[in-house]
Each structure stands twice: as structure tokens, then as C-alpha cells.
Amino acid sequence: MTEKRVIEIDGPPHSIQAADLDQDGATDVIVIDGANRVFLLKNDGQGNLIDPRVEDGTVLSVPGGRFWSLTVGEFEGDGAVDLAMVDGSHSTFNIDS
């Protein structure tokens, strides 16, 4: 078993999913936190999740309301993994490529 790694985010996590977002053959992780931020943790291909804030200080902020849940899939027919996120404050959901 490898060593446990803890990645801190800015609020309590609301949802987490795993998918190969950049289509490099390694499974990445997506987390939504309580501050309406989406964290994309890229797998470096060696089984390590890279927090992009460590590399360049950026965090994705998704416009809209309060995202509570997400799922991944191929929704647009372009072969790329898409994110679908539930917006609890507007009774809507977003699909982002």
C-alpha cells in the first residue's frame, strides 16, 4: 500500500468523481468544495495526483450558484469527457467540456 496523501481544499467537499479528463490514459480526480470551487487533480501517469495550485496557483471557479454534485460522462458526442454539475441554488445543472 502506498502512503496516504491528503490534499486540502477551501471548504467541505460536496462531490468527487474520477475520470481521464485530459485523455492521457491516467485517471484524474474532480472535487467540488463548499466554496463553489472545482478542483481538478491531474494524475501524472505514475499514480500521483497533482494539485494545480501547487504548480501555478490556480483553482477553477465555476460561475453560477452552489454546486452540490457532479458526474462525468461523454454527453456531447465529441469523444471528450464532460462534467455535469448540479446547481442547488438555481434548480439547474451545467454540462461543461
N, C-alpha and C. Protein backbone atom coordinates (compact mmCIF):
# COMPACT_ATOMS: atom_id res chain seq x y z
N MET A 1 0.84 -1.18 0.00
CA MET A 1 0.00 0.00 0.00
C MET A 1 0.88 1.24 0.00
N THR A 2 0.51 2.23 -0.80
CA THR A 2 1.29 3.46 -0.86
C THR A 2 0.90 4.38 0.29
N GLU A 3 1.72 5.38 0.51
CA GLU A 3 1.48 6.35 1.58
C GLU A 3 0.24 7.19 1.28
N LYS A 4 -0.56 7.42 2.31
CA LYS A 4 -1.77 8.23 2.18
C LYS A 4 -1.38 9.68 1.94
N ARG A 5 -2.09 10.33 1.03
CA ARG A 5 -1.82 11.73 0.72
C ARG A 5 -3.09 12.53 0.97
N VAL A 6 -2.97 13.63 1.68
CA VAL A 6 -4.10 14.50 1.97
C VAL A 6 -3.93 15.79 1.17
N ILE A 7 -4.96 16.15 0.42
CA ILE A 7 -4.95 17.40 -0.34
C ILE A 7 -6.01 18.29 0.26
N GLU A 8 -5.61 19.43 0.78
CA GLU A 8 -6.56 20.35 1.41
C GLU A 8 -7.25 21.21 0.37
N ILE A 9 -8.56 21.40 0.56
CA ILE A 9 -9.33 22.29 -0.29
C ILE A 9 -9.92 23.38 0.61
N ASP A 10 -10.67 24.32 0.02
CA ASP A 10 -11.08 25.50 0.75
C ASP A 10 -12.38 25.36 1.54
N GLY A 11 -13.07 24.28 1.41
CA GLY A 11 -14.32 24.08 2.14
C GLY A 11 -14.64 22.61 2.15
N PRO A 12 -15.69 22.21 2.87
CA PRO A 12 -16.01 20.78 2.90
C PRO A 12 -16.36 20.26 1.50
N PRO A 13 -15.86 19.09 1.14
CA PRO A 13 -16.16 18.55 -0.19
C PRO A 13 -17.63 18.17 -0.31
N HIS A 14 -18.20 18.49 -1.46
CA HIS A 14 -19.60 18.15 -1.73
C HIS A 14 -19.70 16.95 -2.65
N SER A 15 -18.73 16.80 -3.57
CA SER A 15 -18.82 15.73 -4.53
C SER A 15 -17.43 15.42 -5.07
N ILE A 16 -17.21 14.16 -5.44
CA ILE A 16 -15.93 13.75 -6.01
C ILE A 16 -16.20 12.71 -7.11
N GLN A 17 -15.44 12.80 -8.18
CA GLN A 17 -15.54 11.85 -9.29
C GLN A 17 -14.14 11.59 -9.83
N ALA A 18 -14.00 10.50 -10.52
CA ALA A 18 -12.73 10.14 -11.16
C ALA A 18 -12.99 9.87 -12.63
N ALA A 19 -12.12 10.40 -13.49
CA ALA A 19 -12.22 10.20 -14.94
C ALA A 19 -10.92 10.65 -15.58
N ASP A 20 -10.65 10.17 -16.76
CA ASP A 20 -9.47 10.59 -17.52
C ASP A 20 -9.84 11.86 -18.29
N LEU A 21 -9.77 13.01 -17.63
CA LEU A 21 -10.22 14.27 -18.23
C LEU A 21 -9.36 14.74 -19.39
N ASP A 22 -8.06 14.52 -19.31
CA ASP A 22 -7.18 15.01 -20.37
C ASP A 22 -6.81 13.93 -21.38
N GLN A 23 -7.45 12.78 -21.28
CA GLN A 23 -7.31 11.67 -22.23
C GLN A 23 -5.86 11.23 -22.42
N ASP A 24 -5.12 11.15 -21.29
CA ASP A 24 -3.74 10.69 -21.35
C ASP A 24 -3.58 9.26 -20.84
N GLY A 25 -4.73 8.59 -20.53
CA GLY A 25 -4.69 7.22 -20.07
C GLY A 25 -4.59 7.07 -18.55
N ALA A 26 -4.47 8.18 -17.82
CA ALA A 26 -4.38 8.15 -16.35
C ALA A 26 -5.65 8.79 -15.76
N THR A 27 -6.19 8.18 -14.72
CA THR A 27 -7.43 8.66 -14.11
C THR A 27 -7.17 9.88 -13.23
N ASP A 28 -7.86 10.98 -13.53
CA ASP A 28 -7.78 12.23 -12.78
C ASP A 28 -8.94 12.28 -11.79
N VAL A 29 -8.91 13.22 -10.85
CA VAL A 29 -9.95 13.36 -9.83
C VAL A 29 -10.50 14.78 -9.87
N ILE A 30 -11.83 14.90 -9.74
CA ILE A 30 -12.52 16.19 -9.72
C ILE A 30 -13.27 16.28 -8.39
N VAL A 31 -13.10 17.42 -7.68
CA VAL A 31 -13.77 17.63 -6.40
C VAL A 31 -14.46 18.98 -6.42
N ILE A 32 -15.70 19.03 -5.92
CA ILE A 32 -16.39 20.30 -5.69
C ILE A 32 -16.35 20.56 -4.19
N ASP A 33 -15.96 21.79 -3.79
CA ASP A 33 -15.94 22.12 -2.37
C ASP A 33 -17.07 23.07 -2.01
N GLY A 34 -17.20 23.36 -0.73
CA GLY A 34 -18.28 24.21 -0.22
C GLY A 34 -18.16 25.67 -0.60
N ALA A 35 -17.03 26.07 -1.17
CA ALA A 35 -16.83 27.45 -1.60
C ALA A 35 -17.10 27.61 -3.10
N ASN A 36 -17.79 26.63 -3.71
CA ASN A 36 -18.16 26.65 -5.12
C ASN A 36 -16.94 26.61 -6.04
N ARG A 37 -15.92 25.89 -5.61
CA ARG A 37 -14.74 25.73 -6.45
C ARG A 37 -14.67 24.30 -6.94
N VAL A 38 -14.16 24.14 -8.14
CA VAL A 38 -13.96 22.82 -8.73
C VAL A 38 -12.45 22.59 -8.80
N PHE A 39 -11.99 21.54 -8.15
CA PHE A 39 -10.58 21.20 -8.15
C PHE A 39 -10.36 20.03 -9.11
N LEU A 40 -9.47 20.22 -10.05
CA LEU A 40 -9.09 19.16 -10.99
C LEU A 40 -7.70 18.68 -10.60
N LEU A 41 -7.62 17.48 -10.10
CA LEU A 41 -6.35 16.91 -9.67
C LEU A 41 -5.86 15.97 -10.76
N LYS A 42 -4.82 16.38 -11.46
CA LYS A 42 -4.31 15.63 -12.61
C LYS A 42 -3.41 14.50 -12.15
N ASN A 43 -3.64 13.32 -12.73
CA ASN A 43 -2.78 12.18 -12.48
C ASN A 43 -1.56 12.31 -13.38
N ASP A 44 -0.37 12.20 -12.79
CA ASP A 44 0.86 12.38 -13.56
C ASP A 44 1.28 11.13 -14.32
N GLY A 45 0.45 10.09 -14.30
CA GLY A 45 0.78 8.85 -15.00
C GLY A 45 1.56 7.86 -14.15
N GLN A 46 2.02 8.31 -12.99
CA GLN A 46 2.74 7.45 -12.06
C GLN A 46 1.89 7.14 -10.82
N GLY A 47 0.59 7.53 -10.88
CA GLY A 47 -0.30 7.29 -9.75
C GLY A 47 -0.34 8.43 -8.75
N ASN A 48 0.30 9.55 -9.07
CA ASN A 48 0.31 10.72 -8.18
C ASN A 48 -0.68 11.75 -8.69
N LEU A 49 -1.51 12.27 -7.79
CA LEU A 49 -2.43 13.33 -8.16
C LEU A 49 -1.76 14.67 -7.90
N ILE A 50 -1.69 15.49 -8.94
CA ILE A 50 -1.02 16.79 -8.86
C ILE A 50 -2.07 17.86 -8.63
N ASP A 51 -1.91 18.61 -7.57
CA ASP A 51 -2.79 19.73 -7.26
C ASP A 51 -2.31 20.91 -8.08
N PRO A 52 -3.13 21.42 -9.02
CA PRO A 52 -2.66 22.50 -9.90
C PRO A 52 -2.30 23.77 -9.15
N ARG A 53 -2.84 23.96 -7.95
CA ARG A 53 -2.49 25.16 -7.18
C ARG A 53 -1.03 25.15 -6.79
N VAL A 54 -0.45 23.96 -6.64
CA VAL A 54 0.97 23.85 -6.30
C VAL A 54 1.82 24.32 -7.48
N GLU A 55 1.37 24.00 -8.70
CA GLU A 55 2.16 24.34 -9.89
C GLU A 55 2.01 25.81 -10.30
N ASP A 56 0.77 26.31 -10.36
CA ASP A 56 0.61 27.68 -10.87
C ASP A 56 -0.35 28.54 -10.05
N GLY A 57 -0.82 28.04 -8.91
CA GLY A 57 -1.66 28.84 -8.03
C GLY A 57 -3.10 29.01 -8.46
N THR A 58 -3.57 28.27 -9.47
CA THR A 58 -4.93 28.47 -9.97
C THR A 58 -5.90 27.42 -9.44
N VAL A 59 -7.12 27.85 -9.27
CA VAL A 59 -8.23 26.97 -8.93
C VAL A 59 -9.37 27.37 -9.84
N LEU A 60 -10.07 26.40 -10.37
CA LEU A 60 -11.22 26.71 -11.23
C LEU A 60 -12.37 27.24 -10.38
N SER A 61 -12.92 28.35 -10.76
CA SER A 61 -14.12 28.85 -10.12
C SER A 61 -15.21 28.80 -11.18
N VAL A 62 -16.28 28.10 -10.89
CA VAL A 62 -17.33 27.91 -11.88
C VAL A 62 -18.43 28.92 -11.63
N PRO A 63 -18.77 29.75 -12.63
CA PRO A 63 -19.85 30.72 -12.43
C PRO A 63 -21.19 30.02 -12.21
N GLY A 64 -22.01 30.64 -11.44
CA GLY A 64 -23.31 30.06 -11.16
C GLY A 64 -23.61 30.14 -9.69
N GLY A 65 -24.32 29.17 -9.20
CA GLY A 65 -24.75 29.17 -7.81
C GLY A 65 -23.90 28.27 -6.95
N ARG A 66 -24.54 27.36 -6.26
CA ARG A 66 -23.88 26.47 -5.32
C ARG A 66 -23.93 25.05 -5.88
N PHE A 67 -22.79 24.56 -6.35
CA PHE A 67 -22.75 23.22 -6.94
C PHE A 67 -22.64 22.17 -5.84
N TRP A 68 -23.52 21.17 -5.88
CA TRP A 68 -23.59 20.16 -4.84
C TRP A 68 -23.13 18.79 -5.30
N SER A 69 -23.22 18.53 -6.56
CA SER A 69 -22.92 17.19 -7.04
C SER A 69 -22.42 17.27 -8.47
N LEU A 70 -21.64 16.28 -8.86
CA LEU A 70 -21.18 16.23 -10.25
C LEU A 70 -21.08 14.79 -10.69
N THR A 71 -21.10 14.63 -11.99
CA THR A 71 -20.85 13.33 -12.59
C THR A 71 -20.07 13.56 -13.89
N VAL A 72 -19.47 12.53 -14.39
CA VAL A 72 -18.71 12.63 -15.63
C VAL A 72 -19.28 11.67 -16.65
N GLY A 73 -19.13 12.02 -17.91
CA GLY A 73 -19.59 11.17 -18.99
C GLY A 73 -19.29 11.82 -20.32
N GLU A 74 -19.67 11.17 -21.38
CA GLU A 74 -19.48 11.73 -22.72
C GLU A 74 -20.86 12.15 -23.20
N PHE A 75 -21.23 13.41 -22.96
CA PHE A 75 -22.58 13.89 -23.20
C PHE A 75 -22.77 14.60 -24.54
N GLU A 76 -21.69 15.07 -25.16
CA GLU A 76 -21.83 15.92 -26.34
C GLU A 76 -21.47 15.23 -27.65
N GLY A 77 -21.07 13.97 -27.61
CA GLY A 77 -20.78 13.23 -28.82
C GLY A 77 -19.46 13.58 -29.49
N ASP A 78 -18.55 14.25 -28.74
CA ASP A 78 -17.27 14.63 -29.33
C ASP A 78 -16.12 13.73 -28.89
N GLY A 79 -16.41 12.71 -28.08
CA GLY A 79 -15.39 11.79 -27.62
C GLY A 79 -14.63 12.25 -26.39
N ALA A 80 -14.85 13.48 -25.93
CA ALA A 80 -14.17 14.01 -24.75
C ALA A 80 -15.04 13.82 -23.51
N VAL A 81 -14.41 13.66 -22.35
CA VAL A 81 -15.13 13.54 -21.09
C VAL A 81 -15.70 14.91 -20.72
N ASP A 82 -16.98 14.92 -20.35
CA ASP A 82 -17.66 16.14 -19.93
C ASP A 82 -18.03 16.04 -18.46
N LEU A 83 -18.24 17.19 -17.81
CA LEU A 83 -18.71 17.25 -16.43
C LEU A 83 -20.14 17.75 -16.42
N ALA A 84 -20.99 17.13 -15.62
CA ALA A 84 -22.35 17.63 -15.39
C ALA A 84 -22.44 17.93 -13.90
N MET A 85 -22.79 19.18 -13.57
CA MET A 85 -22.81 19.62 -12.17
C MET A 85 -24.19 20.14 -11.81
N VAL A 86 -24.70 19.74 -10.64
CA VAL A 86 -26.00 20.18 -10.16
C VAL A 86 -25.82 21.49 -9.39
N ASP A 87 -26.60 22.49 -9.78
CA ASP A 87 -26.58 23.81 -9.14
C ASP A 87 -27.78 23.89 -8.20
N GLY A 88 -27.55 23.74 -6.90
CA GLY A 88 -28.62 23.69 -5.92
C GLY A 88 -29.33 25.01 -5.68
N SER A 89 -28.74 26.14 -6.07
CA SER A 89 -29.38 27.42 -5.79
C SER A 89 -30.25 27.91 -6.94
N HIS A 90 -30.13 27.30 -8.12
CA HIS A 90 -30.90 27.74 -9.27
C HIS A 90 -31.77 26.64 -9.88
N SER A 91 -31.81 25.48 -9.26
CA SER A 91 -32.57 24.34 -9.79
C SER A 91 -32.18 24.02 -11.23
N THR A 92 -30.87 24.05 -11.50
CA THR A 92 -30.37 23.77 -12.85
C THR A 92 -29.18 22.80 -12.74
N PHE A 93 -28.72 22.36 -13.90
CA PHE A 93 -27.44 21.67 -13.96
C PHE A 93 -26.67 22.16 -15.17
N ASN A 94 -25.35 22.11 -15.09
CA ASN A 94 -24.47 22.58 -16.16
C ASN A 94 -23.72 21.40 -16.74
N ILE A 95 -23.48 21.44 -18.04
CA ILE A 95 -22.60 20.46 -18.68
C ILE A 95 -21.45 21.25 -19.29
N ASP A 96 -20.22 20.90 -18.87
CA ASP A 96 -19.02 21.58 -19.34
C ASP A 96 -18.08 20.58 -19.95
N SER A 97 -17.47 20.95 -21.07
CA SER A 97 -16.49 20.08 -21.73
C SER A 97 -15.11 20.39 -21.21
